[in-house]
Amino acid sequence: QNELARIPMLAGLPGQTLGKLGERMERQSLAPGEKKDVQGQLVAVLNGLAHATDAGGGRATVEPGSTVAEDAVSMRALTPVMIVWCSRAVYDEVVGAAADV
């Protein structure tokens, strides 16, 4: 939960919502050069650097505290990277449920 609170996109969420989201997110490490399909997922970088690529071939560097853009389809680690991720549906479910309270 503390790690998630350091991610600007998530920092404004109430602690209970962050906790629930953290329980539903997967943690994964990527070695340099390793790729991950990120389409339809919320992906946040905890440490390391990666490139995220969109369907049109556009590329952006993603660094600690950043989330991969919604239109990204893949990411490739430039350094050892630790990410947390969940499907957009899980994110919408958890954050949407908190907003309905």
PDB file of N, CA and C in Angstrom:
ATOM      1  N   GLN A   1       0.827  -1.190   0.000  1.00  0.00           N
ATOM      2  CA  GLN A   1       0.000   0.000   0.000  1.00  0.00           C
ATOM      3  C   GLN A   1       0.871   1.252   0.000  1.00  0.00           C
ATOM      4  N   ASN A   2       1.951   1.282   0.798  1.00  0.00           N
ATOM      5  CA  ASN A   2       2.836   2.441   0.825  1.00  0.00           C
ATOM      6  C   ASN A   2       3.448   2.694  -0.539  1.00  0.00           C
ATOM      7  N   GLU A   3       3.797   1.613  -1.246  1.00  0.00           N
ATOM      8  CA  GLU A   3       4.362   1.765  -2.588  1.00  0.00           C
ATOM      9  C   GLU A   3       3.350   2.427  -3.525  1.00  0.00           C
ATOM     10  N   LEU A   4       2.109   2.011  -3.434  1.00  0.00           N
ATOM     11  CA  LEU A   4       1.077   2.572  -4.308  1.00  0.00           C
ATOM     12  C   LEU A   4       0.835   4.045  -4.014  1.00  0.00           C
ATOM     13  N   ALA A   5       0.953   4.446  -2.765  1.00  0.00           N
ATOM     14  CA  ALA A   5       0.726   5.842  -2.392  1.00  0.00           C
ATOM     15  C   ALA A   5       1.775   6.775  -2.992  1.00  0.00           C
ATOM     16  N   ARG A   6       2.910   6.236  -3.420  1.00  0.00           N
ATOM     17  CA  ARG A   6       3.968   7.052  -4.034  1.00  0.00           C
ATOM     18  C   ARG A   6       3.760   7.232  -5.538  1.00  0.00           C
ATOM     19  N   ILE A   7       2.729   6.603  -6.088  1.00  0.00           N
ATOM     20  CA  ILE A   7       2.441   6.727  -7.519  1.00  0.00           C
ATOM     21  C   ILE A   7       1.414   7.839  -7.686  1.00  0.00           C
ATOM     22  N   PRO A   8       1.788   8.939  -8.357  1.00  0.00           N
ATOM     23  CA  PRO A   8       0.900  10.099  -8.438  1.00  0.00           C
ATOM     24  C   PRO A   8      -0.539   9.780  -8.850  1.00  0.00           C
ATOM     25  N   MET A   9      -0.737   8.891  -9.807  1.00  0.00           N
ATOM     26  CA  MET A   9      -2.089   8.572 -10.262  1.00  0.00           C
ATOM     27  C   MET A   9      -2.941   7.955  -9.144  1.00  0.00           C
ATOM     28  N   LEU A  10      -2.294   7.292  -8.193  1.00  0.00           N
ATOM     29  CA  LEU A  10      -3.005   6.586  -7.124  1.00  0.00           C
ATOM     30  C   LEU A  10      -2.953   7.309  -5.791  1.00  0.00           C
ATOM     31  N   ALA A  11      -2.074   8.289  -5.670  1.00  0.00           N
ATOM     32  CA  ALA A  11      -1.794   8.939  -4.385  1.00  0.00           C
ATOM     33  C   ALA A  11      -3.023   9.565  -3.734  1.00  0.00           C
ATOM     34  N   GLY A  12      -3.987  10.013  -4.521  1.00  0.00           N
ATOM     35  CA  GLY A  12      -5.161  10.673  -3.970  1.00  0.00           C
ATOM     36  C   GLY A  12      -6.254   9.728  -3.513  1.00  0.00           C
ATOM     37  N   LEU A  13      -6.068   8.429  -3.724  1.00  0.00           N
ATOM     38  CA  LEU A  13      -7.093   7.468  -3.309  1.00  0.00           C
ATOM     39  C   LEU A  13      -7.078   7.284  -1.799  1.00  0.00           C
ATOM     40  N   PRO A  14      -8.245   7.072  -1.181  1.00  0.00           N
ATOM     41  CA  PRO A  14      -8.279   6.808   0.262  1.00  0.00           C
ATOM     42  C   PRO A  14      -7.477   5.551   0.606  1.00  0.00           C
ATOM     43  N   GLY A  15      -6.939   5.505   1.806  1.00  0.00           N
ATOM     44  CA  GLY A  15      -6.110   4.383   2.240  1.00  0.00           C
ATOM     45  C   GLY A  15      -6.783   3.030   2.089  1.00  0.00           C
ATOM     46  N   GLN A  16      -8.067   2.960   2.410  1.00  0.00           N
ATOM     47  CA  GLN A  16      -8.788   1.690   2.314  1.00  0.00           C
ATOM     48  C   GLN A  16      -8.874   1.235   0.848  1.00  0.00           C
ATOM     49  N   THR A  17      -9.094   2.177  -0.052  1.00  0.00           N
ATOM     50  CA  THR A  17      -9.162   1.845  -1.478  1.00  0.00           C
ATOM     51  C   THR A  17      -7.800   1.390  -1.979  1.00  0.00           C
ATOM     52  N   LEU A  18      -6.740   2.088  -1.557  1.00  0.00           N
ATOM     53  CA  LEU A  18      -5.380   1.683  -1.939  1.00  0.00           C
ATOM     54  C   LEU A  18      -5.091   0.276  -1.451  1.00  0.00           C
ATOM     55  N   GLY A  19      -5.514  -0.022  -0.230  1.00  0.00           N
ATOM     56  CA  GLY A  19      -5.306  -1.362   0.328  1.00  0.00           C
ATOM     57  C   GLY A  19      -6.013  -2.426  -0.499  1.00  0.00           C
ATOM     58  N   LYS A  20      -7.257  -2.171  -0.859  1.00  0.00           N
ATOM     59  CA  LYS A  20      -8.019  -3.130  -1.673  1.00  0.00           C
ATOM     60  C   LYS A  20      -7.393  -3.293  -3.054  1.00  0.00           C
ATOM     61  N   LEU A  21      -6.960  -2.180  -3.630  1.00  0.00           N
ATOM     62  CA  LEU A  21      -6.316  -2.246  -4.943  1.00  0.00           C
ATOM     63  C   LEU A  21      -5.018  -3.037  -4.849  1.00  0.00           C
ATOM     64  N   GLY A  22      -4.237  -2.771  -3.800  1.00  0.00           N
ATOM     65  CA  GLY A  22      -2.979  -3.491  -3.595  1.00  0.00           C
ATOM     66  C   GLY A  22      -3.180  -4.994  -3.481  1.00  0.00           C
ATOM     67  N   GLU A  23      -4.276  -5.408  -2.857  1.00  0.00           N
ATOM     68  CA  GLU A  23      -4.575  -6.837  -2.730  1.00  0.00           C
ATOM     69  C   GLU A  23      -4.885  -7.479  -4.073  1.00  0.00           C
ATOM     70  N   ARG A  24      -5.362  -6.687  -5.014  1.00  0.00           N
ATOM     71  CA  ARG A  24      -5.769  -7.221  -6.317  1.00  0.00           C
ATOM     72  C   ARG A  24      -4.675  -7.085  -7.383  1.00  0.00           C
ATOM     73  N   MET A  25      -3.623  -6.334  -7.080  1.00  0.00           N
ATOM     74  CA  MET A  25      -2.556  -6.120  -8.060  1.00  0.00           C
ATOM     75  C   MET A  25      -1.514  -7.231  -7.978  1.00  0.00           C
ATOM     76  N   GLU A  26      -0.938  -7.547  -9.113  1.00  0.00           N
ATOM     77  CA  GLU A  26       0.156  -8.517  -9.205  1.00  0.00           C
ATOM     78  C   GLU A  26       1.475  -7.757  -9.185  1.00  0.00           C
ATOM     79  N   ARG A  27       2.476  -8.364  -8.594  1.00  0.00           N
ATOM     80  CA  ARG A  27       3.826  -7.784  -8.558  1.00  0.00           C
ATOM     81  C   ARG A  27       4.689  -8.617  -9.505  1.00  0.00           C
ATOM     82  N   GLN A  28       5.491  -7.964 -10.321  1.00  0.00           N
ATOM     83  CA  GLN A  28       6.302  -8.693 -11.304  1.00  0.00           C
ATOM     84  C   GLN A  28       7.614  -7.961 -11.543  1.00  0.00           C
ATOM     85  N   SER A  29       8.691  -8.731 -11.660  1.00  0.00           N
ATOM     86  CA  SER A  29       9.972  -8.136 -12.025  1.00  0.00           C
ATOM     87  C   SER A  29      10.269  -8.494 -13.480  1.00  0.00           C
ATOM     88  N   LEU A  30      10.907  -7.561 -14.160  1.00  0.00           N
ATOM     89  CA  LEU A  30      11.305  -7.757 -15.553  1.00  0.00           C
ATOM     90  C   LEU A  30      12.801  -7.542 -15.666  1.00  0.00           C
ATOM     91  N   ALA A  31      13.471  -8.432 -16.368  1.00  0.00           N
ATOM     92  CA  ALA A  31      14.908  -8.295 -16.615  1.00  0.00           C
ATOM     93  C   ALA A  31      15.113  -7.350 -17.801  1.00  0.00           C
ATOM     94  N   PRO A  32      16.280  -6.721 -17.895  1.00  0.00           N
ATOM     95  CA  PRO A  32      16.540  -5.852 -19.037  1.00  0.00           C
ATOM     96  C   PRO A  32      16.273  -6.597 -20.348  1.00  0.00           C
ATOM     97  N   GLY A  33      15.530  -5.932 -21.239  1.00  0.00           N
ATOM     98  CA  GLY A  33      15.184  -6.518 -22.529  1.00  0.00           C
ATOM     99  C   GLY A  33      13.894  -7.327 -22.518  1.00  0.00           C
ATOM    100  N   GLU A  34      13.408  -7.690 -21.327  1.00  0.00           N
ATOM    101  CA  GLU A  34      12.179  -8.484 -21.231  1.00  0.00           C
ATOM    102  C   GLU A  34      10.972  -7.608 -21.576  1.00  0.00           C
ATOM    103  N   LYS A  35      10.020  -8.205 -22.308  1.00  0.00           N
ATOM    104  CA  LYS A  35       8.818  -7.483 -22.721  1.00  0.00           C
ATOM    105  C   LYS A  35       7.597  -7.988 -21.976  1.00  0.00           C
ATOM    106  N   LYS A  36       6.602  -7.102 -21.853  1.00  0.00           N
ATOM    107  CA  LYS A  36       5.326  -7.457 -21.240  1.00  0.00           C
ATOM    108  C   LYS A  36       4.217  -6.814 -22.044  1.00  0.00           C
ATOM    109  N   ASP A  37       3.183  -7.599 -22.317  1.00  0.00           N
ATOM    110  CA  ASP A  37       1.977  -7.072 -22.944  1.00  0.00           C
ATOM    111  C   ASP A  37       1.213  -6.304 -21.871  1.00  0.00           C
ATOM    112  N   VAL A  38       0.897  -5.046 -22.123  1.00  0.00           N
ATOM    113  CA  VAL A  38       0.233  -4.221 -21.110  1.00  0.00           C
ATOM    114  C   VAL A  38      -1.131  -3.709 -21.570  1.00  0.00           C
ATOM    115  N   GLN A  39      -1.569  -4.132 -22.728  1.00  0.00           N
ATOM    116  CA  GLN A  39      -2.848  -3.646 -23.254  1.00  0.00           C
ATOM    117  C   GLN A  39      -3.986  -4.031 -22.307  1.00  0.00           C
ATOM    118  N   GLY A  40      -4.811  -3.050 -21.946  1.00  0.00           N
ATOM    119  CA  GLY A  40      -5.940  -3.304 -21.061  1.00  0.00           C
ATOM    120  C   GLY A  40      -5.567  -3.433 -19.600  1.00  0.00           C
ATOM    121  N   GLN A  41      -4.349  -3.039 -19.246  1.00  0.00           N
ATOM    122  CA  GLN A  41      -3.889  -3.161 -17.862  1.00  0.00           C
ATOM    123  C   GLN A  41      -3.470  -1.809 -17.311  1.00  0.00           C
ATOM    124  N   LEU A  42      -3.570  -1.682 -16.001  1.00  0.00           N
ATOM    125  CA  LEU A  42      -2.972  -0.561 -15.295  1.00  0.00           C
ATOM    126  C   LEU A  42      -1.629  -1.073 -14.804  1.00  0.00           C
ATOM    127  N   VAL A  43      -0.553  -0.460 -15.256  1.00  0.00           N
ATOM    128  CA  VAL A  43       0.793  -0.886 -14.880  1.00  0.00           C
ATOM    129  C   VAL A  43       1.518   0.312 -14.266  1.00  0.00           C
ATOM    130  N   ALA A  44       2.065   0.122 -13.073  1.00  0.00           N
ATOM    131  CA  ALA A  44       2.834   1.160 -12.402  1.00  0.00           C
ATOM    132  C   ALA A  44       4.254   0.649 -12.174  1.00  0.00           C
ATOM    133  N   VAL A  45       5.226   1.490 -12.451  1.00  0.00           N
ATOM    134  CA  VAL A  45       6.635   1.130 -12.267  1.00  0.00           C
ATOM    135  C   VAL A  45       7.064   1.553 -10.862  1.00  0.00           C
ATOM    136  N   LEU A  46       7.535   0.575 -10.092  1.00  0.00           N
ATOM    137  CA  LEU A  46       8.031   0.866  -8.740  1.00  0.00           C
ATOM    138  C   LEU A  46       9.500   1.244  -8.772  1.00  0.00           C
ATOM    139  N   ASN A  47      10.290   0.553  -9.596  1.00  0.00           N
ATOM    140  CA  ASN A  47      11.692   0.936  -9.782  1.00  0.00           C
ATOM    141  C   ASN A  47      12.184   0.434 -11.126  1.00  0.00           C
ATOM    142  N   GLY A  48      13.221   1.083 -11.633  1.00  0.00           N
ATOM    143  CA  GLY A  48      13.783   0.752 -12.938  1.00  0.00           C
ATOM    144  C   GLY A  48      13.207   1.629 -14.038  1.00  0.00           C
ATOM    145  N   LEU A  49      13.702   1.397 -15.248  1.00  0.00           N
ATOM    146  CA  LEU A  49      13.264   2.158 -16.423  1.00  0.00           C
ATOM    147  C   LEU A  49      12.796   1.210 -17.507  1.00  0.00           C
ATOM    148  N   ALA A  50      11.770   1.640 -18.246  1.00  0.00           N
ATOM    149  CA  ALA A  50      11.241   0.823 -19.338  1.00  0.00           C
ATOM    150  C   ALA A  50      10.747   1.737 -20.444  1.00  0.00           C
ATOM    151  N   HIS A  51      10.578   1.169 -21.633  1.00  0.00           N
ATOM    152  CA  HIS A  51       9.917   1.862 -22.730  1.00  0.00           C
ATOM    153  C   HIS A  51       8.538   1.265 -22.884  1.00  0.00           C
ATOM    154  N   ALA A  52       7.529   2.117 -23.018  1.00  0.00           N
ATOM    155  CA  ALA A  52       6.173   1.676 -23.327  1.00  0.00           C
ATOM    156  C   ALA A  52       5.897   2.071 -24.773  1.00  0.00           C
ATOM    157  N   THR A  53       5.266   1.170 -25.521  1.00  0.00           N
ATOM    158  CA  THR A  53       4.990   1.399 -26.933  1.00  0.00           C
ATOM    159  C   THR A  53       3.493   1.319 -27.179  1.00  0.00           C
ATOM    160  N   ASP A  54       2.968   2.272 -27.985  1.00  0.00           N
ATOM    161  CA  ASP A  54       1.550   2.223 -28.321  1.00  0.00           C
ATOM    162  C   ASP A  54       1.356   1.530 -29.668  1.00  0.00           C
ATOM    163  N   ALA A  55       0.115   1.342 -30.068  1.00  0.00           N
ATOM    164  CA  ALA A  55      -0.203   0.599 -31.286  1.00  0.00           C
ATOM    165  C   ALA A  55       0.389   1.245 -32.529  1.00  0.00           C
ATOM    166  N   GLY A  56       0.576   2.545 -32.503  1.00  0.00           N
ATOM    167  CA  GLY A  56       1.144   3.252 -33.642  1.00  0.00           C
ATOM    168  C   GLY A  56       2.666   3.245 -33.667  1.00  0.00           C
ATOM    169  N   GLY A  57       3.284   2.622 -32.688  1.00  0.00           N
ATOM    170  CA  GLY A  57       4.741   2.563 -32.632  1.00  0.00           C
ATOM    171  C   GLY A  57       5.367   3.670 -31.817  1.00  0.00           C
ATOM    172  N   GLY A  58       4.551   4.585 -31.288  1.00  0.00           N
ATOM    173  CA  GLY A  58       5.078   5.644 -30.430  1.00  0.00           C
ATOM    174  C   GLY A  58       5.649   5.044 -29.153  1.00  0.00           C
ATOM    175  N   ARG A  59       6.703   5.649 -28.655  1.00  0.00           N
ATOM    176  CA  ARG A  59       7.383   5.092 -27.496  1.00  0.00           C
ATOM    177  C   ARG A  59       7.618   6.169 -26.452  1.00  0.00           C
ATOM    178  N   ALA A  60       7.460   5.792 -25.189  1.00  0.00           N
ATOM    179  CA  ALA A  60       7.714   6.709 -24.080  1.00  0.00           C
ATOM    180  C   ALA A  60       8.511   5.981 -23.013  1.00  0.00           C
ATOM    181  N   THR A  61       9.365   6.708 -22.321  1.00  0.00           N
ATOM    182  CA  THR A  61      10.120   6.128 -21.218  1.00  0.00           C
ATOM    183  C   THR A  61       9.262   6.192 -19.957  1.00  0.00           C
ATOM    184  N   VAL A  62       9.225   5.077 -19.241  1.00  0.00           N
ATOM    185  CA  VAL A  62       8.456   4.988 -18.006  1.00  0.00           C
ATOM    186  C   VAL A  62       9.449   4.784 -16.867  1.00  0.00           C
ATOM    187  N   GLU A  63       9.331   5.610 -15.843  1.00  0.00           N
ATOM    188  CA  GLU A  63      10.280   5.565 -14.723  1.00  0.00           C
ATOM    189  C   GLU A  63       9.543   5.345 -13.408  1.00  0.00           C
ATOM    190  N   PRO A  64      10.278   5.167 -12.317  1.00  0.00           N
ATOM    191  CA  PRO A  64       9.626   4.914 -11.033  1.00  0.00           C
ATOM    192  C   PRO A  64       8.567   5.961 -10.697  1.00  0.00           C
ATOM    193  N   GLY A  65       7.408   5.478 -10.248  1.00  0.00           N
ATOM    194  CA  GLY A  65       6.293   6.350  -9.909  1.00  0.00           C
ATOM    195  C   GLY A  65       5.358   6.600 -11.074  1.00  0.00           C
ATOM    196  N   SER A  66       5.772   6.199 -12.267  1.00  0.00           N
ATOM    197  CA  SER A  66       4.949   6.417 -13.456  1.00  0.00           C
ATOM    198  C   SER A  66       4.015   5.245 -13.694  1.00  0.00           C
ATOM    199  N   THR A  67       2.926   5.558 -14.366  1.00  0.00           N
ATOM    200  CA  THR A  67       2.039   4.510 -14.851  1.00  0.00           C
ATOM    201  C   THR A  67       2.171   4.479 -16.368  1.00  0.00           C
ATOM    202  N   VAL A  68       1.991   3.295 -16.926  1.00  0.00           N
ATOM    203  CA  VAL A  68       2.063   3.137 -18.370  1.00  0.00           C
ATOM    204  C   VAL A  68       0.786   3.724 -18.957  1.00  0.00           C
ATOM    205  N   ALA A  69       0.925   4.492 -20.030  1.00  0.00           N
ATOM    206  CA  ALA A  69      -0.218   5.150 -20.659  1.00  0.00           C
ATOM    207  C   ALA A  69      -1.297   4.138 -21.045  1.00  0.00           C
ATOM    208  N   GLU A  70      -2.541   4.588 -20.993  1.00  0.00           N
ATOM    209  CA  GLU A  70      -3.681   3.724 -21.277  1.00  0.00           C
ATOM    210  C   GLU A  70      -3.647   3.151 -22.690  1.00  0.00           C
ATOM    211  N   ASP A  71      -3.041   3.883 -23.630  1.00  0.00           N
ATOM    212  CA  ASP A  71      -3.008   3.402 -25.021  1.00  0.00           C
ATOM    213  C   ASP A  71      -1.779   2.538 -25.323  1.00  0.00           C
ATOM    214  N   ALA A  72      -0.955   2.266 -24.315  1.00  0.00           N
ATOM    215  CA  ALA A  72       0.225   1.417 -24.518  1.00  0.00           C
ATOM    216  C   ALA A  72      -0.202  -0.030 -24.740  1.00  0.00           C
ATOM    217  N   VAL A  73       0.542  -0.716 -25.597  1.00  0.00           N
ATOM    218  CA  VAL A  73       0.256  -2.129 -25.847  1.00  0.00           C
ATOM    219  C   VAL A  73       1.346  -3.036 -25.306  1.00  0.00           C
ATOM    220  N   SER A  74       2.569  -2.499 -25.157  1.00  0.00           N
ATOM    221  CA  SER A  74       3.655  -3.312 -24.619  1.00  0.00           C
ATOM    222  C   SER A  74       4.668  -2.432 -23.915  1.00  0.00           C
ATOM    223  N   MET A  75       5.480  -3.069 -23.093  1.00  0.00           N
ATOM    224  CA  MET A  75       6.599  -2.363 -22.477  1.00  0.00           C
ATOM    225  C   MET A  75       7.813  -3.280 -22.482  1.00  0.00           C
ATOM    226  N   ARG A  76       8.986  -2.668 -22.552  1.00  0.00           N
ATOM    227  CA  ARG A  76      10.247  -3.419 -22.545  1.00  0.00           C
ATOM    228  C   ARG A  76      11.151  -2.791 -21.501  1.00  0.00           C
ATOM    229  N   ALA A  77      11.669  -3.632 -20.620  1.00  0.00           N
ATOM    230  CA  ALA A  77      12.541  -3.153 -19.550  1.00  0.00           C
ATOM    231  C   ALA A  77      13.889  -2.711 -20.117  1.00  0.00           C
ATOM    232  N   LEU A  78      14.344  -1.550 -19.682  1.00  0.00           N
ATOM    233  CA  LEU A  78      15.672  -1.050 -20.051  1.00  0.00           C
ATOM    234  C   LEU A  78      16.691  -1.419 -18.980  1.00  0.00           C
ATOM    235  N   THR A  79      16.225  -1.504 -17.749  1.00  0.00           N
ATOM    236  CA  THR A  79      17.032  -1.890 -16.586  1.00  0.00           C
ATOM    237  C   THR A  79      16.193  -2.930 -15.834  1.00  0.00           C
ATOM    238  N   PRO A  80      16.710  -3.539 -14.784  1.00  0.00           N
ATOM    239  CA  PRO A  80      15.820  -4.380 -13.981  1.00  0.00           C
ATOM    240  C   PRO A  80      14.642  -3.522 -13.491  1.00  0.00           C
ATOM    241  N   VAL A  81      13.430  -4.012 -13.693  1.00  0.00           N
ATOM    242  CA  VAL A  81      12.222  -3.238 -13.396  1.00  0.00           C
ATOM    243  C   VAL A  81      11.314  -4.047 -12.468  1.00  0.00           C
ATOM    244  N   MET A  82      10.714  -3.356 -11.498  1.00  0.00           N
ATOM    245  CA  MET A  82       9.676  -3.953 -10.660  1.00  0.00           C
ATOM    246  C   MET A  82       8.388  -3.187 -10.947  1.00  0.00           C
ATOM    247  N   ILE A  83       7.355  -3.928 -11.307  1.00  0.00           N
ATOM    248  CA  ILE A  83       6.069  -3.310 -11.602  1.00  0.00           C
ATOM    249  C   ILE A  83       4.975  -3.942 -10.737  1.00  0.00           C
ATOM    250  N   VAL A  84       3.882  -3.236 -10.614  1.00  0.00           N
ATOM    251  CA  VAL A  84       2.640  -3.795 -10.100  1.00  0.00           C
ATOM    252  C   VAL A  84       1.606  -3.536 -11.178  1.00  0.00           C
ATOM    253  N   TRP A  85       0.692  -4.495 -11.332  1.00  0.00           N
ATOM    254  CA  TRP A  85      -0.295  -4.331 -12.396  1.00  0.00           C
ATOM    255  C   TRP A  85      -1.588  -5.057 -12.054  1.00  0.00           C
ATOM    256  N   CYS A  86      -2.656  -4.613 -12.710  1.00  0.00           N
ATOM    257  CA  CYS A  86      -3.951  -5.285 -12.661  1.00  0.00           C
ATOM    258  C   CYS A  86      -4.683  -4.910 -13.935  1.00  0.00           C
ATOM    259  N   SER A  87      -5.733  -5.622 -14.221  1.00  0.00           N
ATOM    260  CA  SER A  87      -6.515  -5.272 -15.407  1.00  0.00           C
ATOM    261  C   SER A  87      -7.216  -3.940 -15.158  1.00  0.00           C
ATOM    262  N   ARG A  88      -7.536  -3.246 -16.221  1.00  0.00           N
ATOM    263  CA  ARG A  88      -8.282  -1.987 -16.094  1.00  0.00           C
ATOM    264  C   ARG A  88      -9.636  -2.264 -15.456  1.00  0.00           C
ATOM    265  N   ALA A  89     -10.213  -3.433 -15.745  1.00  0.00           N
ATOM    266  CA  ALA A  89     -11.523  -3.791 -15.172  1.00  0.00           C
ATOM    267  C   ALA A  89     -11.435  -3.880 -13.651  1.00  0.00           C
ATOM    268  N   VAL A  90     -10.354  -4.484 -13.127  1.00  0.00           N
ATOM    269  CA  VAL A  90     -10.177  -4.579 -11.672  1.00  0.00           C
ATOM    270  C   VAL A  90     -10.007  -3.180 -11.091  1.00  0.00           C
ATOM    271  N   TYR A  91      -9.193  -2.351 -11.727  1.00  0.00           N
ATOM    272  CA  TYR A  91      -8.994  -0.980 -11.254  1.00  0.00           C
ATOM    273  C   TYR A  91     -10.331  -0.242 -11.200  1.00  0.00           C
ATOM    274  N   ASP A  92     -11.088  -0.314 -12.300  1.00  0.00           N
ATOM    275  CA  ASP A  92     -12.382   0.373 -12.356  1.00  0.00           C
ATOM    276  C   ASP A  92     -13.336  -0.152 -11.289  1.00  0.00           C
ATOM    277  N   GLU A  93     -13.312  -1.462 -11.057  1.00  0.00           N
ATOM    278  CA  GLU A  93     -14.182  -2.076 -10.046  1.00  0.00           C
ATOM    279  C   GLU A  93     -13.849  -1.570  -8.650  1.00  0.00           C
ATOM    280  N   VAL A  94     -12.569  -1.594  -8.291  1.00  0.00           N
ATOM    281  CA  VAL A  94     -12.148  -1.199  -6.940  1.00  0.00           C
ATOM    282  C   VAL A  94     -12.318   0.308  -6.734  1.00  0.00           C
ATOM    283  N   VAL A  95     -11.852   1.097  -7.664  1.00  0.00           N
ATOM    284  CA  VAL A  95     -11.912   2.562  -7.519  1.00  0.00           C
ATOM    285  C   VAL A  95     -13.347   3.042  -7.697  1.00  0.00           C
ATOM    286  N   GLY A  96     -14.080   2.439  -8.614  1.00  0.00           N
ATOM    287  CA  GLY A  96     -15.480   2.793  -8.822  1.00  0.00           C
ATOM    288  C   GLY A  96     -16.332   2.475  -7.613  1.00  0.00           C
ATOM    289  N   ALA A  97     -16.077   1.332  -6.970  1.00  0.00           N
ATOM    290  CA  ALA A  97     -16.822   0.943  -5.770  1.00  0.00           C
ATOM    291  C   ALA A  97     -16.576   1.952  -4.653  1.00  0.00           C
ATOM    292  N   ALA A  98     -15.340   2.437  -4.555  1.00  0.00           N
ATOM    293  CA  ALA A  98     -15.007   3.417  -3.518  1.00  0.00           C
ATOM    294  C   ALA A  98     -15.723   4.739  -3.796  1.00  0.00           C
ATOM    295  N   ALA A  99     -15.859   5.094  -5.059  1.00  0.00           N
ATOM    296  CA  ALA A  99     -16.512   6.350  -5.433  1.00  0.00           C
ATOM    297  C   ALA A  99     -18.020   6.294  -5.179  1.00  0.00           C
ATOM    298  N   ASP A 100     -18.584   5.074  -5.208  1.00  0.00           N
ATOM    299  CA  ASP A 100     -20.022   4.909  -5.005  1.00  0.00           C
ATOM    300  C   ASP A 100     -20.443   5.005  -3.539  1.00  0.00           C
ATOM    301  N   VAL A 101     -19.464   4.967  -2.633  1.00  0.00           N
ATOM    302  CA  VAL A 101     -19.780   4.953  -1.204  1.00  0.00           C
ATOM    303  C   VAL A 101     -20.265   6.321  -0.762  1.00  0.00           C
TER     304      VAL A 101
END
